[in-house]
Protein backbone atom coordinates (compact mmCIF):
# COMPACT_ATOMS: atom_id res chain seq x y z
CA MET A 1 -21.79 5.71 10.14
CA ASN A 2 -22.16 3.08 7.10
CA LYS A 3 -19.93 0.58 7.34
CA PRO A 4 -20.62 -3.07 6.02
CA LYS A 5 -22.40 -5.53 7.94
CA LEU A 6 -20.72 -8.67 8.48
CA VAL A 7 -22.52 -11.74 10.20
CA THR A 8 -19.30 -14.18 11.09
CA ILE A 9 -19.73 -18.08 12.05
CA VAL A 10 -16.91 -19.46 13.81
CA GLY A 11 -15.48 -22.00 15.98
CA PRO A 12 -13.90 -25.22 15.92
CA THR A 13 -14.03 -27.84 13.16
CA ALA A 14 -17.16 -30.18 12.58
CA THR A 15 -19.14 -27.88 14.18
CA GLY A 16 -21.49 -27.10 11.34
CA LYS A 17 -20.45 -23.45 10.60
CA SER A 18 -20.78 -23.93 6.83
CA SER A 19 -23.65 -25.46 6.92
CA LEU A 20 -25.26 -22.93 9.08
CA ALA A 21 -24.11 -20.28 7.17
CA LEU A 22 -25.85 -21.64 4.05
CA LEU A 23 -29.09 -21.77 5.97
CA LEU A 24 -28.71 -18.01 6.94
CA ALA A 25 -27.79 -17.03 3.62
CA ARG A 26 -30.61 -18.40 2.15
CA GLN A 27 -32.74 -17.36 4.30
CA PHE A 28 -31.82 -13.46 4.18
CA LYS A 29 -30.67 -13.78 0.53
CA GLY A 30 -26.97 -13.21 1.12
CA GLU A 31 -23.44 -14.57 0.16
CA ILE A 32 -20.94 -16.80 1.91
CA ILE A 33 -17.35 -15.63 2.04
CA SER A 34 -15.24 -18.96 3.08
CA ALA A 35 -12.70 -18.10 6.17
CA ASP A 36 -10.86 -21.27 5.32
CA SER A 37 -6.89 -21.30 4.53
CA MET A 38 -7.16 -24.45 2.67
CA GLN A 39 -10.49 -24.11 0.68
CA VAL A 40 -8.91 -21.76 -2.02
CA TYR A 41 -7.14 -24.68 -3.10
CA ARG A 42 -8.67 -26.37 -6.40
CA GLY A 43 -8.63 -30.05 -6.20
CA MET A 44 -8.81 -30.23 -2.57
CA ASP A 45 -12.61 -30.88 -1.86
CA VAL A 46 -12.97 -33.76 0.39
CA GLY A 47 -10.23 -32.94 3.15
CA THR A 48 -11.19 -29.42 3.23
CA ALA A 49 -14.61 -30.33 3.67
CA LYS A 50 -15.57 -28.01 0.94
CA PRO A 51 -19.20 -27.15 0.54
CA SER A 52 -20.28 -29.31 -2.85
CA VAL A 53 -21.32 -27.80 -6.23
CA ALA A 54 -25.25 -27.90 -5.44
CA GLU A 55 -24.58 -25.67 -2.46
CA ARG A 56 -22.88 -23.30 -4.15
CA ARG A 57 -25.32 -23.05 -6.40
CA MET A 58 -27.91 -22.82 -3.62
CA VAL A 59 -25.67 -19.30 -2.62
CA PRO A 60 -22.93 -17.60 -4.06
CA HIS A 61 -19.43 -18.33 -2.07
CA HIS A 62 -16.59 -16.27 -2.36
CA LEU A 63 -13.02 -17.38 -2.09
CA ILE A 64 -13.11 -20.84 -2.72
CA ASP A 65 -11.10 -23.04 -5.65
CA ILE A 66 -9.23 -19.88 -6.58
CA LEU A 67 -5.67 -21.00 -6.59
CA ASP A 68 -3.88 -24.21 -7.16
CA PRO A 69 -2.04 -26.36 -4.39
CA ASP A 70 1.14 -25.27 -5.35
CA GLN A 71 0.37 -21.50 -5.31
CA ASP A 72 1.04 -19.33 -2.24
CA TYR A 73 -1.54 -18.06 0.09
CA SER A 74 -1.42 -15.43 3.16
CA ALA A 75 -3.76 -13.61 5.66
CA ALA A 76 -3.08 -10.28 4.23
CA LEU A 77 -4.34 -11.57 0.59
CA PHE A 78 -7.47 -12.78 1.97
CA ARG A 79 -7.89 -9.49 3.87
CA GLN A 80 -7.47 -7.84 0.84
CA GLN A 81 -9.62 -9.97 -1.82
CA ALA A 82 -12.48 -10.35 1.25
CA ASP A 83 -12.58 -6.69 1.55
CA GLU A 84 -13.40 -5.81 -2.05
CA ILE A 85 -16.04 -8.70 -2.19
CA ILE A 86 -17.21 -6.74 0.96
CA ARG A 87 -17.48 -3.47 -0.31
CA GLU A 88 -18.93 -4.46 -3.84
CA LEU A 89 -21.96 -6.67 -1.42
CA HIS A 90 -22.30 -3.85 0.81
CA ARG A 91 -22.68 -1.37 -2.17
CA LEU A 92 -25.50 -3.90 -3.52
CA LYS A 93 -27.08 -4.10 -0.01
CA THR A 94 -26.57 -7.82 -0.24
CA PRO A 95 -26.08 -9.67 3.86
CA ILE A 96 -22.45 -11.04 3.83
CA PHE A 97 -21.87 -14.27 5.75
CA LEU A 98 -18.27 -15.22 6.69
CA ALA A 99 -17.85 -18.84 7.75
CA GLY A 100 -14.65 -20.69 8.61
CA GLY A 101 -12.00 -21.80 11.04
CA THR A 102 -9.13 -19.78 10.37
CA GLY A 103 -8.84 -17.17 13.37
CA LEU A 104 -6.07 -15.59 11.55
CA TYR A 105 -7.63 -14.61 8.61
CA LEU A 106 -11.06 -13.78 10.83
CA LYS A 107 -8.36 -11.34 12.92
CA ALA A 108 -6.49 -9.95 9.83
CA LEU A 109 -10.09 -9.03 7.99
CA THR A 110 -11.79 -7.06 10.96
CA ARG A 111 -9.02 -5.90 12.71
CA GLY A 112 -5.90 -5.26 10.54
CA LEU A 113 -2.37 -6.87 10.03
CA PHE A 114 0.37 -5.21 11.51
CA ARG A 115 3.53 -4.06 9.00
CA GLY A 116 6.49 -6.19 9.13
CA PRO A 117 9.40 -6.71 7.15
CA ALA A 118 8.83 -8.52 3.52
CA ALA A 119 9.44 -12.40 3.17
CA ASP A 120 12.78 -13.11 2.61
CA LEU A 121 13.04 -16.56 0.41
CA ASN A 122 16.67 -17.46 1.59
CA LEU A 123 15.66 -16.99 5.04
CA ARG A 124 12.61 -19.39 4.36
CA LEU A 125 14.82 -21.58 2.55
CA LEU A 126 17.71 -22.19 5.39
CA PHE A 127 14.77 -22.20 7.85
CA HIS A 128 12.59 -25.31 5.84
CA GLN A 129 16.10 -27.11 5.24
CA GLU A 130 16.41 -26.70 9.12
CA ALA A 131 12.58 -28.09 10.07
CA GLU A 132 13.57 -30.74 7.67
CA ALA A 133 16.72 -32.10 8.98
CA GLU A 134 16.31 -31.63 12.61
CA GLY A 135 12.21 -31.18 12.93
CA THR A 136 9.87 -28.23 13.74
CA GLY A 137 11.03 -28.73 17.37
CA SER A 138 14.37 -26.88 16.45
CA LEU A 139 12.47 -23.85 14.87
CA HIS A 140 10.25 -23.71 17.71
CA ARG A 141 13.15 -23.90 20.40
CA LYS A 142 15.13 -21.15 18.54
CA LEU A 143 12.01 -19.10 18.63
CA LYS A 144 11.03 -19.54 22.40
CA SER A 145 15.06 -17.90 22.92
CA LEU A 146 14.31 -14.84 20.62
CA ASP A 147 10.78 -14.35 21.25
CA PRO A 148 9.26 -15.99 24.20
CA ASN A 149 5.73 -14.51 23.82
CA ALA A 150 5.48 -15.81 19.99
CA ALA A 151 6.37 -19.20 21.06
CA ALA A 152 3.69 -19.51 23.37
CA ARG A 153 1.41 -18.77 21.19
CA ILE A 154 2.28 -20.80 18.46
CA HIS A 155 2.36 -24.55 18.30
CA PRO A 156 5.19 -26.50 17.81
CA GLN A 157 4.05 -28.42 14.81
CA ASP A 158 3.24 -25.14 12.92
CA ARG A 159 6.12 -24.96 10.88
CA PHE A 160 5.06 -21.74 8.75
CA ARG A 161 3.93 -19.41 11.35
CA LEU A 162 7.38 -20.69 13.37
CA ILE A 163 9.55 -19.84 10.01
CA ARG A 164 7.49 -16.27 9.98
CA ALA A 165 8.17 -15.07 13.37
CA LEU A 166 11.87 -16.31 12.85
CA GLU A 167 11.78 -14.29 9.43
CA VAL A 168 10.93 -11.26 11.21
CA TYR A 169 12.99 -11.53 14.10
CA PHE A 170 16.14 -11.88 11.62
CA GLN A 171 15.35 -9.21 9.28
CA SER A 172 14.59 -6.52 12.00
CA SER A 173 16.33 -7.99 15.32
CA LYS A 174 12.61 -7.19 16.79
CA PRO A 175 10.26 -9.69 17.77
CA ILE A 176 7.15 -10.31 15.78
CA SER A 177 5.17 -9.74 19.16
CA ASN A 178 6.47 -6.60 19.50
CA PHE A 179 4.96 -5.69 16.39
CA GLN A 180 1.76 -7.32 17.03
CA LYS A 181 1.46 -5.16 20.60
CA GLU A 182 2.30 -2.39 18.70
CA HIS A 183 0.21 -2.96 16.27
CA GLY A 184 -2.80 -3.23 18.67
CA PHE A 185 -5.40 -4.72 16.70
CA GLU A 186 -7.99 -2.04 17.23
CA GLU A 187 -9.10 -1.27 13.14
CA GLU A 188 -12.32 -1.50 12.95
CA PRO A 189 -13.58 -1.31 8.96
CA TYR A 190 -16.89 -3.05 9.34
CA GLU A 191 -19.63 -3.43 11.88
CA VAL A 192 -19.35 -7.46 12.90
CA LEU A 193 -21.95 -10.05 14.34
CA LYS A 194 -19.74 -13.01 15.76
CA ILE A 195 -21.65 -16.22 16.49
CA GLY A 196 -19.48 -19.22 17.56
CA LEU A 197 -20.67 -22.57 17.68
CA GLU A 198 -19.73 -25.53 20.03
CA TYR A 199 -20.74 -28.40 21.53
CA GLU A 200 -19.51 -30.60 24.64
CA ARG A 201 -15.83 -31.56 24.10
CA GLY A 202 -16.69 -35.55 24.33
CA GLU A 203 -19.04 -34.78 21.58
CA LEU A 204 -17.31 -32.38 19.42
CA TYR A 205 -14.26 -35.25 19.36
CA ARG A 206 -16.84 -37.78 18.49
CA ARG A 207 -17.98 -35.56 15.58
CA ILE A 208 -14.86 -35.32 14.40
CA GLU A 209 -13.94 -38.99 14.04
CA LEU A 210 -17.08 -39.36 12.41
CA ARG A 211 -16.15 -36.80 9.96
CA VAL A 212 -12.44 -38.00 8.88
CA GLU A 213 -14.00 -41.53 8.56
CA LYS A 214 -16.93 -40.20 6.13
CA MET A 215 -13.95 -38.26 4.23
CA ILE A 216 -11.99 -41.54 4.05
CA GLU A 217 -15.23 -42.97 2.39
CA ASN A 218 -15.79 -40.33 0.09
CA GLY A 219 -12.60 -40.71 -1.58
CA TRP A 220 -10.03 -38.79 0.29
CA VAL A 221 -7.33 -40.54 -0.15
CA ASP A 222 -8.10 -40.83 -4.45
CA GLU A 223 -8.17 -37.17 -4.09
CA VAL A 224 -4.63 -36.92 -2.52
CA ARG A 225 -3.62 -39.57 -5.03
CA SER A 226 -4.69 -37.46 -7.96
CA LEU A 227 -2.98 -34.58 -6.97
CA LEU A 228 0.39 -36.43 -6.60
CA GLU A 229 -0.24 -37.98 -9.69
CA HIS A 230 -0.84 -34.24 -11.33
CA GLY A 231 2.81 -33.58 -10.22
CA TYR A 232 2.34 -31.43 -6.99
CA SER A 233 4.87 -32.14 -4.43
CA PRO A 234 4.41 -34.00 -1.53
CA ASN A 235 6.56 -31.45 0.43
CA LEU A 236 4.08 -28.51 -0.70
CA ARG A 237 2.59 -26.22 2.05
CA ALA A 238 -0.89 -27.33 0.92
CA LEU A 239 -0.41 -30.75 1.11
CA GLN A 240 1.54 -30.91 4.21
CA SER A 241 -1.66 -29.51 6.48
CA LEU A 242 -3.93 -31.12 8.56
CA GLY A 243 -4.53 -34.61 7.34
CA TYR A 244 -3.16 -33.99 3.85
CA LYS A 245 0.15 -34.93 4.86
CA HIS A 246 -0.56 -38.43 7.00
CA ILE A 247 -2.36 -39.54 3.18
CA VAL A 248 0.61 -38.60 1.64
CA SER A 249 2.61 -40.66 4.26
CA TYR A 250 0.08 -43.64 3.54
CA LEU A 251 0.82 -43.45 -0.48
CA VAL A 252 4.44 -43.05 -0.09
CA GLY A 253 4.20 -46.51 1.99
CA ARG A 254 5.31 -44.72 5.25
CA ILE A 255 2.30 -46.22 7.45
CA ASP A 256 -0.49 -48.28 6.86
CA ILE A 257 -4.08 -46.46 5.80
CA ALA A 258 -5.03 -47.55 9.56
CA GLU A 259 -2.10 -45.64 11.18
CA ALA A 260 -3.20 -42.50 8.76
CA ILE A 261 -6.83 -42.40 9.90
CA ARG A 262 -5.84 -42.63 13.64
CA LEU A 263 -3.19 -40.13 13.10
CA ILE A 264 -5.48 -37.49 11.38
CA LYS A 265 -8.41 -38.29 13.67
CA ARG A 266 -5.91 -37.46 16.52
CA ASP A 267 -3.84 -33.96 14.67
CA THR A 268 -7.85 -32.99 13.94
CA ARG A 269 -8.69 -33.27 17.94
CA ARG A 270 -5.62 -31.27 18.84
CA TYR A 271 -6.19 -28.83 16.09
CA ALA A 272 -9.97 -28.33 17.47
CA LYS A 273 -8.67 -27.71 20.73
CA ARG A 274 -6.11 -25.01 19.66
CA GLN A 275 -8.98 -23.51 17.55
CA ILE A 276 -11.24 -22.86 20.80
CA THR A 277 -8.48 -21.31 22.74
CA TRP A 278 -8.41 -18.76 20.00
CA PHE A 279 -11.69 -18.17 19.69
CA LYS A 280 -12.30 -18.18 23.51
CA ALA A 281 -9.70 -15.82 23.81
CA ASP A 282 -12.39 -13.10 21.66
CA SER A 283 -14.98 -11.57 24.14
CA GLU A 284 -17.14 -10.48 21.19
CA ILE A 285 -18.17 -14.02 20.21
CA THR A 286 -21.40 -15.03 21.06
CA TRP A 287 -21.54 -18.88 21.77
CA PHE A 288 -24.42 -21.03 20.63
CA PHE A 289 -24.92 -24.93 21.05
CA ASN A 290 -25.18 -25.93 17.41
CA GLU A 291 -28.39 -27.96 18.03
CA SER A 292 -32.04 -27.38 17.10
CA GLU A 293 -33.17 -25.09 19.93
CA SER A 294 -30.40 -22.62 19.42
CA LEU A 295 -31.03 -21.79 15.69
CA GLU A 296 -34.09 -19.73 16.01
CA ASN A 297 -32.08 -17.33 18.78
CA ILE A 298 -29.47 -17.45 16.09
CA ARG A 299 -31.70 -16.03 13.14
CA LYS A 300 -33.05 -13.66 15.69
CA ALA A 301 -29.85 -12.23 16.35
CA VAL A 302 -28.77 -12.24 12.66
CA GLU A 303 -31.88 -10.51 11.63
CA GLY A 304 -31.77 -7.76 14.25
CA PHE A 305 -28.36 -6.87 13.47
CA ILE A 306 -28.93 -6.69 9.97
CA ARG A 307 -31.68 -4.72 10.03
CA SER A 308 -30.69 -2.75 12.79
CA ARG A 309 -29.59 0.96 11.80
CA HIS A 310 -26.49 1.16 14.21
CA ASN A 311 -24.20 -1.96 15.71
CA THR A 312 -26.89 -3.92 17.90
CA PRO A 313 -26.14 -7.40 17.24
CA SER A 314 -29.10 -9.48 19.08
CA ALA A 315 -32.58 -9.33 19.85
CA CYS A 316 -31.65 -12.06 22.47
CA ILE A 317 -28.44 -11.22 23.99
CA ASP A 318 -27.93 -8.68 26.67
CA SER A 319 -24.00 -8.79 26.72
CA PRO A 320 -21.50 -10.64 23.80
CA THR A 321 -20.51 -13.40 26.24
CA GLN A 322 -23.74 -14.54 27.17
CA LYS A 323 -24.85 -18.17 25.68
CA CYS A 324 -28.29 -18.53 24.06
């Protein structure tokens, strides 16, 4: 009956999640946990839309700048670290806000993770070599033949999730989708208010393209160049992430800057579409168009949730799927 309360702010990229979290955390004297798989890395600021130093001085942020780009991170590690922070903030009676677009991290935190086989570095190396030689499409086709349910959920270019699914199968002779189904993701360690931000699709794509251009103006290319000059391999998982891999391709001479920007915009639009599909499957999220008229309704929902004795998320929402 005394579970920690979390306000989660989710949605596709470029909808203003970080800005809204900052506004709410300042108003309610709370702190923010980043649920972004890339903002954990030091030196990767521009391309991850990381909150500025000034913003982090206004409101404490957690799980930002905790690793170097050549260190691994995972949903399981995020869950462990975030839970420790949540328990401490709950003890201090500090309102807790989670903001980010990495849906798997949020699901792992609020619903748990299945216990599958541990990592097998030899298998991973073999699958990485196959992807380098034949493309990630080869991994996706292999997974589709072994575990069509998992293949249907994993994008053909998502090398790391494809490798994990294949790794689980070849270690256990059991599809990862079976492990996930058996787990059920029914853990509820916290009371959660889920706020989703959205825009009309055309406006969202316009915002994405403007943001990419702004990132380039703000020195994204120089940021990637600096990482390479510091000796980080362009094949690192972090440097193969959205946008970074295209700038790496430009810096090593495979494409020109105009093509890099075009590909970043295209792939970010595609990523946003996948984020929308992921989050729309969660019926507990209440969606708001992130315009000025929505802010007061969001504020009231958060205030009602934080002050309520039980999990009654909103003063203005009668059902978890209603829009305000």
